[in-house]
N, C-alpha and C. Protein backbone atom coordinates (compact mmCIF):
# COMPACT_ATOMS: atom_id res chain seq x y z
N UNK A 1 18.60 31.69 -21.80
CA UNK A 1 19.35 31.94 -20.38
C UNK A 1 19.55 32.85 -20.27
N UNK A 2 19.00 33.36 -19.05
CA UNK A 2 19.17 35.05 -18.54
C UNK A 2 20.15 34.78 -17.47
N UNK A 3 19.45 34.10 -16.50
CA UNK A 3 19.94 33.88 -14.89
C UNK A 3 20.81 33.10 -14.81
N UNK A 4 21.90 33.50 -14.50
CA UNK A 4 23.33 33.06 -14.64
C UNK A 4 23.20 31.59 -13.33
N UNK A 5 22.45 32.34 -12.22
CA UNK A 5 22.50 30.98 -11.20
C UNK A 5 21.48 29.98 -11.48
N UNK A 6 20.60 30.35 -12.56
CA UNK A 6 19.74 28.95 -12.94
C UNK A 6 20.67 28.36 -14.05
N UNK A 7 21.55 28.46 -14.75
CA UNK A 7 22.61 27.70 -15.15
C UNK A 7 22.94 27.24 -14.34
N UNK A 8 24.42 27.26 -13.70
CA UNK A 8 24.79 26.22 -12.78
C UNK A 8 24.03 25.96 -11.72
N UNK A 9 23.88 24.79 -11.15
CA UNK A 9 23.01 24.07 -10.69
C UNK A 9 23.53 23.93 -9.35
N UNK A 10 25.18 22.94 -9.11
CA UNK A 10 25.62 22.97 -8.20
C UNK A 10 27.37 21.97 -8.34
N UNK A 11 28.13 21.99 -8.15
CA UNK A 11 29.41 21.36 -8.55
C UNK A 11 29.54 19.95 -8.07
N UNK A 12 30.21 19.18 -9.23
CA UNK A 12 30.60 18.01 -8.91
C UNK A 12 31.82 18.09 -7.77
N UNK A 13 30.83 16.68 -7.02
CA UNK A 13 32.60 16.91 -6.18
C UNK A 13 32.24 15.56 -5.76
N UNK A 14 33.11 14.65 -6.79
CA UNK A 14 33.65 13.45 -6.72
C UNK A 14 35.24 12.98 -6.49
N UNK A 15 35.67 12.01 -6.42
CA UNK A 15 36.75 11.58 -6.53
C UNK A 15 37.43 11.75 -7.91
N UNK A 16 36.72 11.39 -9.11
CA UNK A 16 37.19 11.37 -10.30
C UNK A 16 37.40 13.14 -10.68
N UNK A 17 36.18 13.97 -10.07
CA UNK A 17 36.38 15.56 -10.33
C UNK A 17 37.29 16.09 -9.47
N UNK A 18 38.06 15.81 -8.59
CA UNK A 18 39.33 15.96 -7.85
C UNK A 18 40.38 15.71 -8.07
N UNK A 19 40.50 14.58 -8.83
CA UNK A 19 41.41 14.42 -9.93
C UNK A 19 41.44 15.28 -11.13
N UNK A 20 40.61 15.05 -11.71
CA UNK A 20 40.56 16.33 -12.35
C UNK A 20 41.51 17.74 -12.25
N UNK A 21 40.24 18.31 -11.19
CA UNK A 21 40.92 19.43 -10.78
C UNK A 21 42.72 19.61 -10.51
N UNK A 22 42.52 18.84 -9.90
CA UNK A 22 44.80 18.53 -9.52
C UNK A 22 45.38 18.83 -10.93
N UNK A 23 45.10 17.16 -11.62
CA UNK A 23 45.74 17.25 -12.80
C UNK A 23 45.46 18.35 -14.10
N UNK A 24 44.14 18.79 -14.21
CA UNK A 24 44.50 19.36 -15.44
C UNK A 24 43.50 20.87 -15.22
N UNK A 25 43.64 21.21 -14.13
CA UNK A 25 42.59 22.50 -13.72
C UNK A 25 41.70 22.30 -14.17
N UNK A 26 40.40 21.28 -14.58
CA UNK A 26 38.72 20.97 -15.02
C UNK A 26 37.64 20.39 -13.63
N UNK A 27 36.88 21.61 -13.70
CA UNK A 27 35.78 21.74 -12.44
C UNK A 27 34.31 21.43 -13.16
N UNK A 28 33.73 20.28 -12.66
CA UNK A 28 32.72 19.35 -12.69
C UNK A 28 31.55 20.52 -12.34
N UNK A 29 30.46 20.52 -13.20
CA UNK A 29 28.95 21.19 -12.47
C UNK A 29 28.21 20.68 -13.03
N UNK A 30 26.95 20.23 -12.41
CA UNK A 30 25.38 20.35 -13.17
C UNK A 30 25.09 21.48 -13.21
N UNK A 31 24.63 21.45 -14.40
CA UNK A 31 24.43 22.32 -14.97
C UNK A 31 22.63 22.38 -15.59
N UNK A 32 21.85 23.28 -16.08
CA UNK A 32 20.56 23.25 -16.35
C UNK A 32 20.57 22.45 -18.26
N UNK A 33 19.72 21.48 -18.19
CA UNK A 33 19.26 20.93 -19.44
C UNK A 33 19.48 21.11 -20.63
N UNK A 34 19.07 22.29 -20.71
CA UNK A 34 19.38 23.33 -22.24
C UNK A 34 20.14 24.41 -22.27
N UNK A 35 21.11 24.67 -21.14
CA UNK A 35 21.91 25.67 -21.51
C UNK A 35 23.06 25.25 -22.41
N UNK A 36 23.58 26.54 -23.22
CA UNK A 36 24.58 25.69 -24.10
C UNK A 36 25.93 26.29 -23.60
N UNK A 37 26.95 25.73 -24.25
CA UNK A 37 28.22 26.47 -23.96
C UNK A 37 28.61 27.53 -23.93
N UNK A 38 27.78 28.54 -24.70
CA UNK A 38 27.98 29.82 -24.72
C UNK A 38 27.78 30.71 -22.82
N UNK A 39 26.52 29.74 -22.98
CA UNK A 39 25.31 30.25 -21.45
C UNK A 39 26.40 29.86 -20.11
N UNK A 40 27.50 28.37 -20.10
CA UNK A 40 27.86 28.02 -19.25
C UNK A 40 29.08 29.03 -18.73
N UNK A 41 29.79 29.07 -20.28
CA UNK A 41 30.73 29.93 -20.06
C UNK A 41 30.93 31.38 -19.42
N UNK A 42 30.25 31.70 -19.84
CA UNK A 42 29.39 33.40 -19.22
C UNK A 42 29.23 33.30 -17.80
N UNK A 43 28.25 32.12 -17.72
CA UNK A 43 27.77 32.26 -16.29
C UNK A 43 29.31 31.34 -14.89
N UNK A 44 30.05 31.16 -16.11
CA UNK A 44 31.28 30.56 -14.97
C UNK A 44 32.12 31.89 -14.77
N UNK A 45 32.46 32.74 -16.22
CA UNK A 45 33.58 33.97 -15.91
C UNK A 45 32.58 34.58 -15.06
N UNK A 46 31.30 34.73 -15.06
CA UNK A 46 31.22 36.19 -13.71
C UNK A 46 30.82 35.69 -12.34
N UNK A 47 30.54 34.72 -12.13
CA UNK A 47 30.02 34.18 -11.16
C UNK A 47 31.27 33.93 -9.99
N UNK A 48 32.49 33.49 -10.81
CA UNK A 48 33.75 32.90 -10.11
C UNK A 48 35.36 33.80 -10.60
N UNK A 49 34.50 34.95 -11.56
CA UNK A 49 35.76 35.66 -11.98
C UNK A 49 37.14 35.19 -12.44
N UNK A 50 36.79 33.99 -12.74
CA UNK A 50 37.45 33.32 -14.06
C UNK A 50 37.46 33.52 -15.30
N UNK A 51 38.79 32.80 -15.90
CA UNK A 51 39.04 32.98 -17.98
C UNK A 51 38.95 31.29 -18.48
N UNK A 52 37.62 30.86 -19.06
CA UNK A 52 37.22 29.69 -19.14
C UNK A 52 37.96 29.11 -20.63
N UNK A 53 38.83 28.42 -20.31
CA UNK A 53 39.67 27.59 -21.86
C UNK A 53 38.83 26.90 -21.89
N UNK A 54 38.25 25.95 -22.32
CA UNK A 54 37.47 24.77 -22.66
C UNK A 54 35.93 24.30 -21.90
N UNK A 55 35.02 23.76 -23.00
CA UNK A 55 33.81 23.50 -22.10
C UNK A 55 33.71 22.60 -22.70
N UNK A 56 33.34 21.13 -21.69
CA UNK A 56 33.24 19.80 -22.50
C UNK A 56 31.46 19.46 -21.49
N UNK A 57 30.80 19.16 -22.06
CA UNK A 57 29.52 18.97 -21.73
C UNK A 57 28.67 17.05 -21.91
N UNK A 58 28.09 16.95 -21.32
CA UNK A 58 27.38 15.80 -21.41
C UNK A 58 26.25 15.25 -20.87
N UNK A 59 25.03 14.76 -21.37
CA UNK A 59 23.93 14.51 -20.92
C UNK A 59 23.95 13.18 -20.63
N UNK A 60 23.90 13.42 -19.39
CA UNK A 60 23.03 12.16 -18.67
C UNK A 60 21.86 11.28 -18.38
N UNK A 61 21.30 10.34 -19.12
CA UNK A 61 20.09 9.57 -18.34
C UNK A 61 20.17 9.47 -17.36
N UNK A 62 18.85 9.60 -16.61
CA UNK A 62 18.52 9.15 -15.29
C UNK A 62 18.19 7.27 -15.09
N UNK A 63 18.80 6.93 -14.27
CA UNK A 63 18.79 5.04 -14.01
C UNK A 63 16.73 5.00 -13.88
N UNK A 64 17.06 4.44 -14.02
CA UNK A 64 15.45 3.59 -13.91
C UNK A 64 15.89 2.73 -11.97
N UNK A 65 15.11 3.26 -11.02
CA UNK A 65 15.58 2.39 -9.86
C UNK A 65 14.32 1.51 -9.46
N UNK A 66 14.30 0.68 -8.43
CA UNK A 66 13.06 -0.19 -8.13
C UNK A 66 14.14 -0.55 -6.50
N UNK A 67 12.25 -0.46 -5.33
CA UNK A 67 12.46 -0.43 -4.56
C UNK A 67 11.35 -1.27 -4.17
N UNK A 68 11.92 -2.89 -4.15
CA UNK A 68 10.44 -4.13 -4.15
C UNK A 68 9.82 -4.10 -5.74
N UNK A 69 8.54 -3.79 -5.06
CA UNK A 69 7.88 -3.99 -6.35
C UNK A 69 7.36 -2.68 -7.21
N UNK A 70 7.78 -1.39 -6.58
CA UNK A 70 7.77 -0.04 -6.92
C UNK A 70 9.59 0.41 -7.91
N UNK A 71 9.05 0.96 -8.72
CA UNK A 71 9.91 1.19 -9.67
C UNK A 71 9.81 2.61 -10.17
N UNK A 72 10.73 3.76 -10.04
CA UNK A 72 11.08 4.74 -10.05
C UNK A 72 11.98 5.46 -10.82
N UNK A 73 12.26 6.62 -11.34
CA UNK A 73 13.59 7.12 -12.47
C UNK A 73 14.29 8.77 -11.79
N UNK A 74 15.29 7.73 -11.73
CA UNK A 74 15.93 9.29 -11.37
C UNK A 74 15.60 10.40 -12.05
N UNK A 75 16.67 11.52 -12.01
CA UNK A 75 16.01 12.60 -12.72
C UNK A 75 17.20 13.09 -14.00
N UNK A 76 17.19 13.15 -15.29
CA UNK A 76 18.31 13.41 -16.08
C UNK A 76 19.02 15.02 -15.84
N UNK A 77 20.20 14.80 -16.06
CA UNK A 77 20.83 15.56 -16.06
C UNK A 77 21.39 16.16 -17.06
N UNK A 78 22.39 17.52 -16.82
CA UNK A 78 23.97 17.34 -18.07
C UNK A 78 24.69 17.61 -17.41
N UNK A 79 25.81 17.48 -17.49
CA UNK A 79 27.22 17.69 -17.14
C UNK A 79 28.36 18.65 -17.58
N UNK A 80 28.68 19.65 -16.92
CA UNK A 80 30.12 20.01 -17.96
C UNK A 80 31.41 20.50 -17.31
N UNK A 81 32.17 20.55 -17.87
CA UNK A 81 33.34 20.37 -17.65
C UNK A 81 34.26 21.27 -17.84
N UNK A 82 34.51 22.36 -17.37
CA UNK A 82 35.18 23.32 -17.27
C UNK A 82 36.52 23.67 -17.41
N UNK A 83 37.01 23.50 -17.92
CA UNK A 83 38.35 23.58 -17.82
C UNK A 83 38.94 25.17 -17.86
N UNK A 84 39.95 25.51 -16.87
CA UNK A 84 40.13 26.78 -16.60
C UNK A 84 42.03 27.08 -17.09
N UNK A 85 41.92 28.52 -17.41
CA UNK A 85 43.37 29.03 -18.24
C UNK A 85 43.88 29.02 -16.40
N UNK A 86 45.45 28.56 -17.38
CA UNK A 86 46.45 28.02 -16.30
C UNK A 86 46.72 29.73 -14.86
N UNK A 87 46.70 29.71 -13.94
CA UNK A 87 46.33 29.99 -12.62
C UNK A 87 44.86 30.35 -12.37
N UNK A 88 44.16 30.36 -12.26
CA UNK A 88 42.84 30.52 -12.02
C UNK A 88 42.05 29.61 -11.24
N UNK A 89 42.00 29.63 -10.29
CA UNK A 89 41.23 28.76 -9.74
C UNK A 89 39.60 29.20 -8.81
N UNK A 90 38.87 27.69 -8.74
CA UNK A 90 37.75 28.13 -7.90
C UNK A 90 37.82 27.70 -6.75
N UNK A 91 37.38 28.47 -5.74
CA UNK A 91 37.40 27.61 -4.21
C UNK A 91 36.18 26.39 -4.04
N UNK A 92 36.26 25.16 -4.40
CA UNK A 92 35.20 24.39 -3.63
C UNK A 92 35.72 24.33 -2.26
N UNK A 93 34.19 23.37 -2.29
CA UNK A 93 33.75 23.10 -0.14
C UNK A 93 35.81 22.25 0.08
N UNK A 94 35.95 21.74 -0.22
CA UNK A 94 37.23 20.82 -0.25
C UNK A 94 38.44 21.72 -0.17
N UNK A 95 38.70 22.83 -1.01
CA UNK A 95 39.72 23.90 -0.68
C UNK A 95 39.39 25.23 0.52
N UNK A 96 37.97 25.26 0.34
CA UNK A 96 37.93 26.55 1.38
C UNK A 96 37.94 25.82 2.74
N UNK A 97 37.92 24.23 3.00
CA UNK A 97 37.62 23.81 4.70
C UNK A 97 39.24 24.32 5.20
N UNK A 98 40.17 23.13 4.02
CA UNK A 98 41.41 22.91 3.84
C UNK A 98 42.59 24.75 4.84
């Protein structure tokens, strides 16, 4: 993994991730499935200029969905919960618009 913008796909902006962000300074991202914790740490630190304290990753299998007689599968993804050191922040869409 050499390109840092391929490792972090997008931030997860859900109700639960907003609660984690406010309570524990923990941000959620959708990351590349083959990315390691060290890859994610270096990507977050270089993109957002913050110090990462802890990383937890979770692979998520895509659900099988049906539309009438047709069935399909949502893509698999990997979620990373990145805890930052005290005092560091990442500007997301919600905090930038306030």
